[in-house]
């Protein structure tokens, strides 16, 4: 399976739910890699990967953003970034790994229980 291609241009419609922007070269992103698969099973999650279409894993919820069109459109400064999208618009954002914040953000419990509770992006 090959990662999807990210929508291009500033008018690209983002899918509703949670969106994570990540890159394989990011230590925090690599640390929390298991969290993405867990979240994808529990909520509507789309992961845009900036540097490796096979990271965090090849799955139908991973989208290739190696051209950085989505990242640029969203004005990202750091990864991992987790966003909430409703009706194609961003309603909330958090950057870095903060278990409590991500659990609140995603409305889930017991996220990454074996990981450190915090790692900046």
PDB file of N, CA and C in Angstrom:
ATOM      1  N   UNK A   1       0.846  -1.166   0.000  1.00  0.00           N
ATOM      2  CA  UNK A   1       0.000   0.000   0.000  1.00  0.00           C
ATOM      3  C   UNK A   1       0.901   1.242   0.000  1.00  0.00           C
ATOM      4  N   UNK A   2       0.563   2.222  -0.799  1.00  0.00           N
ATOM      5  CA  UNK A   2       1.325   3.455  -0.904  1.00  0.00           C
ATOM      6  C   UNK A   2       0.542   4.567  -0.230  1.00  0.00           C
ATOM      7  N   UNK A   3       1.235   5.463   0.476  1.00  0.00           N
ATOM      8  CA  UNK A   3       0.565   6.583   1.133  1.00  0.00           C
ATOM      9  C   UNK A   3      -0.162   7.420   0.097  1.00  0.00           C
ATOM     10  N   UNK A   4      -1.291   7.966   0.503  1.00  0.00           N
ATOM     11  CA  UNK A   4      -2.054   8.843  -0.369  1.00  0.00           C
ATOM     12  C   UNK A   4      -1.243  10.091  -0.681  1.00  0.00           C
ATOM     13  N   UNK A   5      -1.645  10.805  -1.707  1.00  0.00           N
ATOM     14  CA  UNK A   5      -1.021  12.081  -2.016  1.00  0.00           C
ATOM     15  C   UNK A   5      -1.843  13.177  -1.373  1.00  0.00           C
ATOM     16  N   UNK A   6      -1.179  14.107  -0.702  1.00  0.00           N
ATOM     17  CA  UNK A   6      -1.867  15.197  -0.013  1.00  0.00           C
ATOM     18  C   UNK A   6      -2.536  16.123  -1.016  1.00  0.00           C
ATOM     19  N   UNK A   7      -3.686  16.698  -0.633  1.00  0.00           N
ATOM     20  CA  UNK A   7      -4.292  17.685  -1.502  1.00  0.00           C
ATOM     21  C   UNK A   7      -3.352  18.871  -1.638  1.00  0.00           C
ATOM     22  N   UNK A   8      -3.378  19.525  -2.783  1.00  0.00           N
ATOM     23  CA  UNK A   8      -2.453  20.631  -2.986  1.00  0.00           C
ATOM     24  C   UNK A   8      -3.203  21.945  -3.062  1.00  0.00           C
ATOM     25  N   UNK A   9      -2.469  23.019  -2.890  1.00  0.00           N
ATOM     26  CA  UNK A   9      -3.031  24.358  -3.000  1.00  0.00           C
ATOM     27  C   UNK A   9      -3.660  24.815  -1.707  1.00  0.00           C
ATOM     28  N   UNK A  10      -3.760  26.112  -1.520  1.00  0.00           N
ATOM     29  CA  UNK A  10      -4.270  26.668  -0.273  1.00  0.00           C
ATOM     30  C   UNK A  10      -5.741  26.377  -0.033  1.00  0.00           C
ATOM     31  N   UNK A  11      -6.476  25.946  -1.053  1.00  0.00           N
ATOM     32  CA  UNK A  11      -7.894  25.669  -0.878  1.00  0.00           C
ATOM     33  C   UNK A  11      -8.175  24.197  -0.658  1.00  0.00           C
ATOM     34  N   UNK A  12      -7.136  23.414  -0.415  1.00  0.00           N
ATOM     35  CA  UNK A  12      -7.307  21.980  -0.215  1.00  0.00           C
ATOM     36  C   UNK A  12      -8.255  21.742   0.962  1.00  0.00           C
ATOM     37  N   UNK A  13      -9.228  20.899   0.750  1.00  0.00           N
ATOM     38  CA  UNK A  13     -10.195  20.562   1.791  1.00  0.00           C
ATOM     39  C   UNK A  13      -9.571  19.545   2.742  1.00  0.00           C
ATOM     40  N   UNK A  14      -9.459  19.895   3.990  1.00  0.00           N
ATOM     41  CA  UNK A  14      -8.910  18.977   4.978  1.00  0.00           C
ATOM     42  C   UNK A  14     -10.032  18.091   5.515  1.00  0.00           C
ATOM     43  N   UNK A  15      -9.729  16.831   5.802  1.00  0.00           N
ATOM     44  CA  UNK A  15     -10.767  15.939   6.330  1.00  0.00           C
ATOM     45  C   UNK A  15     -11.124  16.310   7.768  1.00  0.00           C
ATOM     46  N   UNK A  16     -12.390  16.181   8.105  1.00  0.00           N
ATOM     47  CA  UNK A  16     -12.812  16.426   9.481  1.00  0.00           C
ATOM     48  C   UNK A  16     -12.233  15.361  10.399  1.00  0.00           C
ATOM     49  N   UNK A  17     -12.011  15.719  11.634  1.00  0.00           N
ATOM     50  CA  UNK A  17     -11.436  14.837  12.638  1.00  0.00           C
ATOM     51  C   UNK A  17     -10.105  15.399  13.102  1.00  0.00           C
ATOM     52  N   UNK A  18      -9.245  14.511  13.525  1.00  0.00           N
ATOM     53  CA  UNK A  18      -7.916  14.924  13.967  1.00  0.00           C
ATOM     54  C   UNK A  18      -6.920  14.751  12.835  1.00  0.00           C
ATOM     55  N   UNK A  19      -6.011  15.708  12.754  1.00  0.00           N
ATOM     56  CA  UNK A  19      -4.919  15.641  11.790  1.00  0.00           C
ATOM     57  C   UNK A  19      -3.625  15.789  12.564  1.00  0.00           C
ATOM     58  N   UNK A  20      -2.698  14.893  12.308  1.00  0.00           N
ATOM     59  CA  UNK A  20      -1.351  14.997  12.869  1.00  0.00           C
ATOM     60  C   UNK A  20      -0.391  15.266  11.716  1.00  0.00           C
ATOM     61  N   UNK A  21       0.519  16.210  11.942  1.00  0.00           N
ATOM     62  CA  UNK A  21       1.588  16.479  10.983  1.00  0.00           C
ATOM     63  C   UNK A  21       2.875  16.001  11.632  1.00  0.00           C
ATOM     64  N   UNK A  22       3.603  15.120  10.928  1.00  0.00           N
ATOM     65  CA  UNK A  22       4.774  14.476  11.510  1.00  0.00           C
ATOM     66  C   UNK A  22       5.895  14.387  10.493  1.00  0.00           C
ATOM     67  N   UNK A  23       7.069  14.022  10.988  1.00  0.00           N
ATOM     68  CA  UNK A  23       8.173  13.666  10.095  1.00  0.00           C
ATOM     69  C   UNK A  23       9.038  12.627  10.790  1.00  0.00           C
ATOM     70  N   UNK A  24       9.580  11.721  10.017  1.00  0.00           N
ATOM     71  CA  UNK A  24      10.396  10.628  10.554  1.00  0.00           C
ATOM     72  C   UNK A  24      11.642  11.156  11.244  1.00  0.00           C
ATOM     73  N   UNK A  25      12.149  12.283  10.773  1.00  0.00           N
ATOM     74  CA  UNK A  25      13.372  12.876  11.305  1.00  0.00           C
ATOM     75  C   UNK A  25      13.161  13.594  12.641  1.00  0.00           C
ATOM     76  N   UNK A  26      11.936  13.615  13.163  1.00  0.00           N
ATOM     77  CA  UNK A  26      11.601  14.308  14.412  1.00  0.00           C
ATOM     78  C   UNK A  26      11.665  13.323  15.578  1.00  0.00           C
ATOM     79  N   UNK A  27      12.521  13.576  16.587  1.00  0.00           N
ATOM     80  CA  UNK A  27      12.612  12.649  17.715  1.00  0.00           C
ATOM     81  C   UNK A  27      11.286  12.457  18.457  1.00  0.00           C
ATOM     82  N   UNK A  28      10.523  13.520  18.648  1.00  0.00           N
ATOM     83  CA  UNK A  28       9.230  13.385  19.335  1.00  0.00           C
ATOM     84  C   UNK A  28       8.272  12.553  18.495  1.00  0.00           C
ATOM     85  N   UNK A  29       8.248  12.765  17.189  1.00  0.00           N
ATOM     86  CA  UNK A  29       7.370  11.992  16.295  1.00  0.00           C
ATOM     87  C   UNK A  29       7.730  10.516  16.332  1.00  0.00           C
ATOM     88  N   UNK A  30       9.020  10.214  16.304  1.00  0.00           N
ATOM     89  CA  UNK A  30       9.466   8.820  16.360  1.00  0.00           C
ATOM     90  C   UNK A  30       9.076   8.179  17.685  1.00  0.00           C
ATOM     91  N   UNK A  31       9.225   8.923  18.778  1.00  0.00           N
ATOM     92  CA  UNK A  31       8.872   8.423  20.105  1.00  0.00           C
ATOM     93  C   UNK A  31       7.405   8.023  20.176  1.00  0.00           C
ATOM     94  N   UNK A  32       6.538   8.859  19.635  1.00  0.00           N
ATOM     95  CA  UNK A  32       5.097   8.629  19.786  1.00  0.00           C
ATOM     96  C   UNK A  32       4.483   7.886  18.598  1.00  0.00           C
ATOM     97  N   UNK A  33       5.304   7.283  17.775  1.00  0.00           N
ATOM     98  CA  UNK A  33       4.801   6.538  16.620  1.00  0.00           C
ATOM     99  C   UNK A  33       3.671   5.569  16.990  1.00  0.00           C
ATOM    100  N   UNK A  34       3.753   4.823  18.092  1.00  0.00           N
ATOM    101  CA  UNK A  34       2.649   3.907  18.428  1.00  0.00           C
ATOM    102  C   UNK A  34       1.324   4.639  18.709  1.00  0.00           C
ATOM    103  N   UNK A  35       1.394   5.877  19.117  1.00  0.00           N
ATOM    104  CA  UNK A  35       0.188   6.649  19.424  1.00  0.00           C
ATOM    105  C   UNK A  35      -0.661   6.861  18.172  1.00  0.00           C
ATOM    106  N   UNK A  36      -0.022   7.055  17.040  1.00  0.00           N
ATOM    107  CA  UNK A  36      -0.778   7.307  15.810  1.00  0.00           C
ATOM    108  C   UNK A  36      -1.649   6.113  15.433  1.00  0.00           C
ATOM    109  N   UNK A  37      -1.102   4.912  15.484  1.00  0.00           N
ATOM    110  CA  UNK A  37      -1.883   3.717  15.165  1.00  0.00           C
ATOM    111  C   UNK A  37      -3.024   3.542  16.170  1.00  0.00           C
ATOM    112  N   UNK A  38      -2.744   3.799  17.437  1.00  0.00           N
ATOM    113  CA  UNK A  38      -3.766   3.696  18.478  1.00  0.00           C
ATOM    114  C   UNK A  38      -4.891   4.706  18.211  1.00  0.00           C
ATOM    115  N   UNK A  39      -4.527   5.952  17.953  1.00  0.00           N
ATOM    116  CA  UNK A  39      -5.530   6.980  17.677  1.00  0.00           C
ATOM    117  C   UNK A  39      -6.342   6.653  16.428  1.00  0.00           C
ATOM    118  N   UNK A  40      -5.684   6.151  15.402  1.00  0.00           N
ATOM    119  CA  UNK A  40      -6.377   5.840  14.153  1.00  0.00           C
ATOM    120  C   UNK A  40      -7.450   4.770  14.362  1.00  0.00           C
ATOM    121  N   UNK A  41      -7.264   3.905  15.356  1.00  0.00           N
ATOM    122  CA  UNK A  41      -8.270   2.891  15.654  1.00  0.00           C
ATOM    123  C   UNK A  41      -9.433   3.455  16.462  1.00  0.00           C
ATOM    124  N   UNK A  42      -9.202   4.579  17.173  1.00  0.00           N
ATOM    125  CA  UNK A  42     -10.218   5.096  18.091  1.00  0.00           C
ATOM    126  C   UNK A  42     -10.952   6.346  17.612  1.00  0.00           C
ATOM    127  N   UNK A  43     -10.342   7.127  16.736  1.00  0.00           N
ATOM    128  CA  UNK A  43     -10.952   8.379  16.267  1.00  0.00           C
ATOM    129  C   UNK A  43     -10.666   8.546  14.774  1.00  0.00           C
ATOM    130  N   UNK A  44     -11.321   9.516  14.175  1.00  0.00           N
ATOM    131  CA  UNK A  44     -11.005   9.858  12.786  1.00  0.00           C
ATOM    132  C   UNK A  44      -9.677  10.594  12.775  1.00  0.00           C
ATOM    133  N   UNK A  45      -8.633   9.944  12.284  1.00  0.00           N
ATOM    134  CA  UNK A  45      -7.290  10.515  12.266  1.00  0.00           C
ATOM    135  C   UNK A  45      -6.714  10.432  10.864  1.00  0.00           C
ATOM    136  N   UNK A  46      -6.099  11.525  10.449  1.00  0.00           N
ATOM    137  CA  UNK A  46      -5.308  11.552   9.227  1.00  0.00           C
ATOM    138  C   UNK A  46      -3.935  12.065   9.620  1.00  0.00           C
ATOM    139  N   UNK A  47      -2.901  11.362   9.191  1.00  0.00           N
ATOM    140  CA  UNK A  47      -1.532  11.772   9.478  1.00  0.00           C
ATOM    141  C   UNK A  47      -0.880  12.225   8.174  1.00  0.00           C
ATOM    142  N   UNK A  48      -0.385  13.456   8.159  1.00  0.00           N
ATOM    143  CA  UNK A  48       0.370  13.976   7.019  1.00  0.00           C
ATOM    144  C   UNK A  48       1.841  13.871   7.377  1.00  0.00           C
ATOM    145  N   UNK A  49       2.604  13.179   6.542  1.00  0.00           N
ATOM    146  CA  UNK A  49       4.015  12.947   6.819  1.00  0.00           C
ATOM    147  C   UNK A  49       4.869  13.819   5.903  1.00  0.00           C
ATOM    148  N   UNK A  50       5.785  14.566   6.501  1.00  0.00           N
ATOM    149  CA  UNK A  50       6.562  15.568   5.778  1.00  0.00           C
ATOM    150  C   UNK A  50       7.776  15.028   5.044  1.00  0.00           C
ATOM    151  N   UNK A  51       8.349  13.917   5.491  1.00  0.00           N
ATOM    152  CA  UNK A  51       9.629  13.524   4.907  1.00  0.00           C
ATOM    153  C   UNK A  51       9.743  12.061   4.497  1.00  0.00           C
ATOM    154  N   UNK A  52       8.765  11.233   4.852  1.00  0.00           N
ATOM    155  CA  UNK A  52       8.852   9.813   4.527  1.00  0.00           C
ATOM    156  C   UNK A  52       7.439   9.248   4.422  1.00  0.00           C
ATOM    157  N   UNK A  53       6.984   8.940   3.217  1.00  0.00           N
ATOM    158  CA  UNK A  53       5.624   8.438   3.051  1.00  0.00           C
ATOM    159  C   UNK A  53       5.344   7.128   3.783  1.00  0.00           C
ATOM    160  N   UNK A  54       6.374   6.452   4.266  1.00  0.00           N
ATOM    161  CA  UNK A  54       6.191   5.215   5.018  1.00  0.00           C
ATOM    162  C   UNK A  54       6.216   5.448   6.528  1.00  0.00           C
ATOM    163  N   UNK A  55       6.231   6.702   6.950  1.00  0.00           N
ATOM    164  CA  UNK A  55       6.225   7.023   8.379  1.00  0.00           C
ATOM    165  C   UNK A  55       4.940   7.753   8.715  1.00  0.00           C
ATOM    166  N   UNK A  56       4.248   7.398   9.792  1.00  0.00           N
ATOM    167  CA  UNK A  56       4.632   6.452  10.828  1.00  0.00           C
ATOM    168  C   UNK A  56       4.478   5.000  10.416  1.00  0.00           C
ATOM    169  N   UNK A  57       3.626   4.720   9.455  1.00  0.00           N
ATOM    170  CA  UNK A  57       3.514   3.389   8.854  1.00  0.00           C
ATOM    171  C   UNK A  57       2.684   3.567   7.595  1.00  0.00           C
ATOM    172  N   UNK A  58       2.773   2.621   6.723  1.00  0.00           N
ATOM    173  CA  UNK A  58       1.956   2.696   5.515  1.00  0.00           C
ATOM    174  C   UNK A  58       0.553   2.229   5.895  1.00  0.00           C
ATOM    175  N   UNK A  59      -0.389   3.150   5.838  1.00  0.00           N
ATOM    176  CA  UNK A  59      -1.776   2.863   6.201  1.00  0.00           C
ATOM    177  C   UNK A  59      -2.674   3.833   5.442  1.00  0.00           C
ATOM    178  N   UNK A  60      -3.937   3.510   5.371  1.00  0.00           N
ATOM    179  CA  UNK A  60      -4.835   4.377   4.616  1.00  0.00           C
ATOM    180  C   UNK A  60      -5.078   5.722   5.290  1.00  0.00           C
ATOM    181  N   UNK A  61      -4.626   5.883   6.524  1.00  0.00           N
ATOM    182  CA  UNK A  61      -4.779   7.155   7.231  1.00  0.00           C
ATOM    183  C   UNK A  61      -3.498   7.996   7.180  1.00  0.00           C
ATOM    184  N   UNK A  62      -2.487   7.559   6.448  1.00  0.00           N
ATOM    185  CA  UNK A  62      -1.229   8.298   6.282  1.00  0.00           C
ATOM    186  C   UNK A  62      -1.203   8.921   4.893  1.00  0.00           C
ATOM    187  N   UNK A  63      -0.905  10.231   4.843  1.00  0.00           N
ATOM    188  CA  UNK A  63      -0.906  10.978   3.585  1.00  0.00           C
ATOM    189  C   UNK A  63       0.470  11.598   3.365  1.00  0.00           C
ATOM    190  N   UNK A  64       0.983  11.440   2.166  1.00  0.00           N
ATOM    191  CA  UNK A  64       2.284  11.991   1.780  1.00  0.00           C
ATOM    192  C   UNK A  64       2.188  13.512   1.635  1.00  0.00           C
ATOM    193  N   UNK A  65       2.921  14.229   2.477  1.00  0.00           N
ATOM    194  CA  UNK A  65       3.008  15.694   2.368  1.00  0.00           C
ATOM    195  C   UNK A  65       4.470  16.103   2.183  1.00  0.00           C
ATOM    196  N   UNK A  66       5.243  15.260   1.469  1.00  0.00           N
ATOM    197  CA  UNK A  66       6.664  15.574   1.291  1.00  0.00           C
ATOM    198  C   UNK A  66       6.872  16.845   0.477  1.00  0.00           C
ATOM    199  N   UNK A  67       5.853  17.285  -0.251  1.00  0.00           N
ATOM    200  CA  UNK A  67       5.981  18.582  -0.929  1.00  0.00           C
ATOM    201  C   UNK A  67       5.637  19.733   0.017  1.00  0.00           C
ATOM    202  N   UNK A  68       5.216  19.401   1.230  1.00  0.00           N
ATOM    203  CA  UNK A  68       4.915  20.340   2.320  1.00  0.00           C
ATOM    204  C   UNK A  68       3.756  21.295   2.013  1.00  0.00           C
ATOM    205  N   UNK A  69       2.935  20.963   1.035  1.00  0.00           N
ATOM    206  CA  UNK A  69       1.836  21.862   0.676  1.00  0.00           C
ATOM    207  C   UNK A  69       0.823  22.022   1.812  1.00  0.00           C
ATOM    208  N   UNK A  70       0.473  20.929   2.472  1.00  0.00           N
ATOM    209  CA  UNK A  70      -0.468  21.021   3.588  1.00  0.00           C
ATOM    210  C   UNK A  70       0.206  21.696   4.778  1.00  0.00           C
ATOM    211  N   UNK A  71       1.434  21.312   5.079  1.00  0.00           N
ATOM    212  CA  UNK A  71       2.158  21.922   6.196  1.00  0.00           C
ATOM    213  C   UNK A  71       2.297  23.425   6.013  1.00  0.00           C
ATOM    214  N   UNK A  72       2.622  23.834   4.803  1.00  0.00           N
ATOM    215  CA  UNK A  72       2.774  25.258   4.523  1.00  0.00           C
ATOM    216  C   UNK A  72       1.432  25.967   4.663  1.00  0.00           C
ATOM    217  N   UNK A  73       0.392  25.378   4.107  1.00  0.00           N
ATOM    218  CA  UNK A  73      -0.950  25.953   4.176  1.00  0.00           C
ATOM    219  C   UNK A  73      -1.385  26.142   5.630  1.00  0.00           C
ATOM    220  N   UNK A  74      -1.005  25.216   6.499  1.00  0.00           N
ATOM    221  CA  UNK A  74      -1.389  25.284   7.911  1.00  0.00           C
ATOM    222  C   UNK A  74      -0.468  26.175   8.736  1.00  0.00           C
ATOM    223  N   UNK A  75       0.628  26.656   8.148  1.00  0.00           N
ATOM    224  CA  UNK A  75       1.541  27.541   8.863  1.00  0.00           C
ATOM    225  C   UNK A  75       2.231  26.868  10.032  1.00  0.00           C
ATOM    226  N   UNK A  76       2.702  25.646   9.827  1.00  0.00           N
ATOM    227  CA  UNK A  76       3.331  24.898  10.920  1.00  0.00           C
ATOM    228  C   UNK A  76       4.718  25.416  11.246  1.00  0.00           C
ATOM    229  N   UNK A  77       5.005  25.428  12.551  1.00  0.00           N
ATOM    230  CA  UNK A  77       6.335  25.803  13.024  1.00  0.00           C
ATOM    231  C   UNK A  77       7.105  24.608  13.560  1.00  0.00           C
ATOM    232  N   UNK A  78       6.383  23.570  13.979  1.00  0.00           N
ATOM    233  CA  UNK A  78       7.032  22.421  14.614  1.00  0.00           C
ATOM    234  C   UNK A  78       6.168  21.183  14.414  1.00  0.00           C
ATOM    235  N   UNK A  79       6.798  20.036  14.563  1.00  0.00           N
ATOM    236  CA  UNK A  79       6.102  18.752  14.554  1.00  0.00           C
ATOM    237  C   UNK A  79       6.507  17.991  15.803  1.00  0.00           C
ATOM    238  N   UNK A  80       5.700  17.110  16.300  1.00  0.00           N
ATOM    239  CA  UNK A  80       4.364  16.807  15.833  1.00  0.00           C
ATOM    240  C   UNK A  80       3.382  17.926  16.180  1.00  0.00           C
ATOM    241  N   UNK A  81       2.454  18.146  15.289  1.00  0.00           N
ATOM    242  CA  UNK A  81       1.348  19.062  15.539  1.00  0.00           C
ATOM    243  C   UNK A  81       0.065  18.272  15.364  1.00  0.00           C
ATOM    244  N   UNK A  82      -0.842  18.434  16.312  1.00  0.00           N
ATOM    245  CA  UNK A  82      -2.143  17.782  16.260  1.00  0.00           C
ATOM    246  C   UNK A  82      -3.195  18.870  16.118  1.00  0.00           C
ATOM    247  N   UNK A  83      -4.070  18.715  15.119  1.00  0.00           N
ATOM    248  CA  UNK A  83      -5.109  19.700  14.853  1.00  0.00           C
ATOM    249  C   UNK A  83      -6.477  19.036  14.880  1.00  0.00           C
ATOM    250  N   UNK A  84      -7.482  19.816  15.250  1.00  0.00           N
ATOM    251  CA  UNK A  84      -8.862  19.366  15.136  1.00  0.00           C
ATOM    252  C   UNK A  84      -9.482  20.137  13.978  1.00  0.00           C
ATOM    253  N   UNK A  85     -10.104  19.407  13.047  1.00  0.00           N
ATOM    254  CA  UNK A  85     -10.715  20.004  11.867  1.00  0.00           C
ATOM    255  C   UNK A  85     -12.221  19.732  11.900  1.00  0.00           C
ATOM    256  N   UNK A  86     -12.996  20.779  11.695  1.00  0.00           N
ATOM    257  CA  UNK A  86     -14.460  20.660  11.609  1.00  0.00           C
ATOM    258  C   UNK A  86     -14.925  21.451  10.406  1.00  0.00           C
ATOM    259  N   UNK A  87     -15.707  20.817   9.554  1.00  0.00           N
ATOM    260  CA  UNK A  87     -16.197  21.436   8.319  1.00  0.00           C
ATOM    261  C   UNK A  87     -15.050  22.004   7.486  1.00  0.00           C
ATOM    262  N   UNK A  88     -13.917  21.284   7.492  1.00  0.00           N
ATOM    263  CA  UNK A  88     -12.766  21.677   6.689  1.00  0.00           C
ATOM    264  C   UNK A  88     -11.924  22.791   7.275  1.00  0.00           C
ATOM    265  N   UNK A  89     -12.273  23.260   8.482  1.00  0.00           N
ATOM    266  CA  UNK A  89     -11.549  24.367   9.110  1.00  0.00           C
ATOM    267  C   UNK A  89     -10.910  23.925  10.422  1.00  0.00           C
ATOM    268  N   UNK A  90      -9.737  24.456  10.703  1.00  0.00           N
ATOM    269  CA  UNK A  90      -9.046  24.170  11.957  1.00  0.00           C
ATOM    270  C   UNK A  90      -9.776  24.844  13.113  1.00  0.00           C
ATOM    271  N   UNK A  91     -10.071  24.056  14.157  1.00  0.00           N
ATOM    272  CA  UNK A  91     -10.728  24.605  15.340  1.00  0.00           C
ATOM    273  C   UNK A  91      -9.830  24.590  16.566  1.00  0.00           C
ATOM    274  N   UNK A  92      -8.760  23.792  16.546  1.00  0.00           N
ATOM    275  CA  UNK A  92      -7.830  23.739  17.679  1.00  0.00           C
ATOM    276  C   UNK A  92      -6.520  23.125  17.212  1.00  0.00           C
ATOM    277  N   UNK A  93      -5.446  23.425  17.975  1.00  0.00           N
ATOM    278  CA  UNK A  93      -4.103  22.956  17.624  1.00  0.00           C
ATOM    279  C   UNK A  93      -3.273  22.793  18.888  1.00  0.00           C
ATOM    280  N   UNK A  94      -2.410  21.769  18.870  1.00  0.00           N
ATOM    281  CA  UNK A  94      -1.411  21.603  19.916  1.00  0.00           C
ATOM    282  C   UNK A  94      -0.135  21.072  19.266  1.00  0.00           C
ATOM    283  N   UNK A  95       0.992  21.454  19.806  1.00  0.00           N
ATOM    284  CA  UNK A  95       2.286  21.067  19.241  1.00  0.00           C
ATOM    285  C   UNK A  95       3.104  20.328  20.291  1.00  0.00           C
ATOM    286  N   UNK A  96       3.881  19.350  19.834  1.00  0.00           N
ATOM    287  CA  UNK A  96       4.680  18.541  20.746  1.00  0.00           C
ATOM    288  C   UNK A  96       3.823  17.429  21.326  1.00  0.00           C
ATOM    289  N   UNK A  97       4.457  16.545  22.059  1.00  0.00           N
ATOM    290  CA  UNK A  97       3.742  15.448  22.717  1.00  0.00           C
ATOM    291  C   UNK A  97       3.504  15.814  24.161  1.00  0.00           C
ATOM    292  N   UNK A  98       2.257  15.900  24.534  1.00  0.00           N
ATOM    293  CA  UNK A  98       1.824  16.114  25.908  1.00  0.00           C
ATOM    294  C   UNK A  98       0.630  15.183  26.106  1.00  0.00           C
ATOM    295  N   UNK A  99       0.866  14.055  26.779  1.00  0.00           N
ATOM    296  CA  UNK A  99      -0.162  13.023  26.878  1.00  0.00           C
ATOM    297  C   UNK A  99      -1.500  13.584  27.355  1.00  0.00           C
ATOM    298  N   UNK A 100      -1.483  14.351  28.438  1.00  0.00           N
ATOM    299  CA  UNK A 100      -2.741  14.877  28.970  1.00  0.00           C
ATOM    300  C   UNK A 100      -3.466  15.730  27.938  1.00  0.00           C
ATOM    301  N   UNK A 101      -2.727  16.575  27.260  1.00  0.00           N
ATOM    302  CA  UNK A 101      -3.334  17.454  26.248  1.00  0.00           C
ATOM    303  C   UNK A 101      -3.875  16.637  25.074  1.00  0.00           C
ATOM    304  N   UNK A 102      -3.115  15.654  24.596  1.00  0.00           N
ATOM    305  CA  UNK A 102      -3.561  14.832  23.466  1.00  0.00           C
ATOM    306  C   UNK A 102      -4.796  14.015  23.851  1.00  0.00           C
ATOM    307  N   UNK A 103      -4.840  13.471  25.091  1.00  0.00           N
ATOM    308  CA  UNK A 103      -6.012  12.713  25.525  1.00  0.00           C
ATOM    309  C   UNK A 103      -7.241  13.616  25.583  1.00  0.00           C
ATOM    310  N   UNK A 104      -7.068  14.806  26.114  1.00  0.00           N
ATOM    311  CA  UNK A 104      -8.171  15.770  26.167  1.00  0.00           C
ATOM    312  C   UNK A 104      -8.595  16.166  24.748  1.00  0.00           C
ATOM    313  N   UNK A 105      -7.631  16.455  23.931  1.00  0.00           N
ATOM    314  CA  UNK A 105      -7.849  16.887  22.553  1.00  0.00           C
ATOM    315  C   UNK A 105      -8.641  15.842  21.759  1.00  0.00           C
ATOM    316  N   UNK A 106      -8.256  14.558  21.912  1.00  0.00           N
ATOM    317  CA  UNK A 106      -8.863  13.459  21.164  1.00  0.00           C
ATOM    318  C   UNK A 106     -10.042  12.828  21.895  1.00  0.00           C
ATOM    319  N   UNK A 107     -10.270  13.232  23.143  1.00  0.00           N
ATOM    320  CA  UNK A 107     -11.326  12.671  23.975  1.00  0.00           C
ATOM    321  C   UNK A 107     -11.157  11.162  24.115  1.00  0.00           C
ATOM    322  N   UNK A 108      -9.922  10.758  24.465  1.00  0.00           N
ATOM    323  CA  UNK A 108      -9.597   9.350  24.707  1.00  0.00           C
ATOM    324  C   UNK A 108      -8.795   9.258  25.999  1.00  0.00           C
ATOM    325  N   UNK A 109      -8.711   8.050  26.526  1.00  0.00           N
ATOM    326  CA  UNK A 109      -7.914   7.799  27.731  1.00  0.00           C
ATOM    327  C   UNK A 109      -6.815   6.797  27.417  1.00  0.00           C
ATOM    328  N   UNK A 110      -5.811   6.765  28.300  1.00  0.00           N
ATOM    329  CA  UNK A 110      -4.747   5.769  28.235  1.00  0.00           C
ATOM    330  C   UNK A 110      -4.001   5.798  26.905  1.00  0.00           C
ATOM    331  N   UNK A 111      -3.595   6.974  26.498  1.00  0.00           N
ATOM    332  CA  UNK A 111      -2.877   7.167  25.238  1.00  0.00           C
ATOM    333  C   UNK A 111      -1.372   7.106  25.503  1.00  0.00           C
ATOM    334  N   UNK A 112      -0.683   6.205  24.856  1.00  0.00           N
ATOM    335  CA  UNK A 112       0.763   6.079  25.033  1.00  0.00           C
ATOM    336  C   UNK A 112       1.174   5.864  26.472  1.00  0.00           C
ATOM    337  N   UNK A 113       0.567   4.886  27.167  1.00  0.00           N
ATOM    338  CA  UNK A 113       0.846   4.718  28.595  1.00  0.00           C
ATOM    339  C   UNK A 113       2.296   4.388  28.923  1.00  0.00           C
ATOM    340  N   UNK A 114       3.032   3.814  27.984  1.00  0.00           N
ATOM    341  CA  UNK A 114       4.427   3.436  28.231  1.00  0.00           C
ATOM    342  C   UNK A 114       5.406   4.523  27.808  1.00  0.00           C
ATOM    343  N   UNK A 115       4.888   5.660  27.327  1.00  0.00           N
ATOM    344  CA  UNK A 115       5.733   6.752  26.867  1.00  0.00           C
ATOM    345  C   UNK A 115       5.893   7.806  27.952  1.00  0.00           C
ATOM    346  N   UNK A 116       6.950   8.615  27.862  1.00  0.00           N
ATOM    347  CA  UNK A 116       7.062   9.741  28.780  1.00  0.00           C
ATOM    348  C   UNK A 116       5.836  10.646  28.586  1.00  0.00           C
ATOM    349  N   UNK A 117       5.412  11.322  29.635  1.00  0.00           N
ATOM    350  CA  UNK A 117       4.207  12.139  29.524  1.00  0.00           C
ATOM    351  C   UNK A 117       4.367  13.385  28.650  1.00  0.00           C
ATOM    352  N   UNK A 118       5.607  13.802  28.398  1.00  0.00           N
ATOM    353  CA  UNK A 118       5.830  15.046  27.653  1.00  0.00           C
ATOM    354  C   UNK A 118       7.116  14.971  26.844  1.00  0.00           C
ATOM    355  N   UNK A 119       7.085  15.504  25.645  1.00  0.00           N
ATOM    356  CA  UNK A 119       8.284  15.691  24.824  1.00  0.00           C
ATOM    357  C   UNK A 119       7.964  16.828  23.852  1.00  0.00           C
ATOM    358  N   UNK A 120       8.718  17.910  23.925  1.00  0.00           N
ATOM    359  CA  UNK A 120       8.446  19.033  23.011  1.00  0.00           C
ATOM    360  C   UNK A 120       8.726  18.648  21.564  1.00  0.00           C
ATOM    361  N   UNK A 121       8.080  19.373  20.660  1.00  0.00           N
ATOM    362  CA  UNK A 121       8.268  19.123  19.229  1.00  0.00           C
ATOM    363  C   UNK A 121       9.437  19.904  18.698  1.00  0.00           C
TER     364      UNK A 121
END
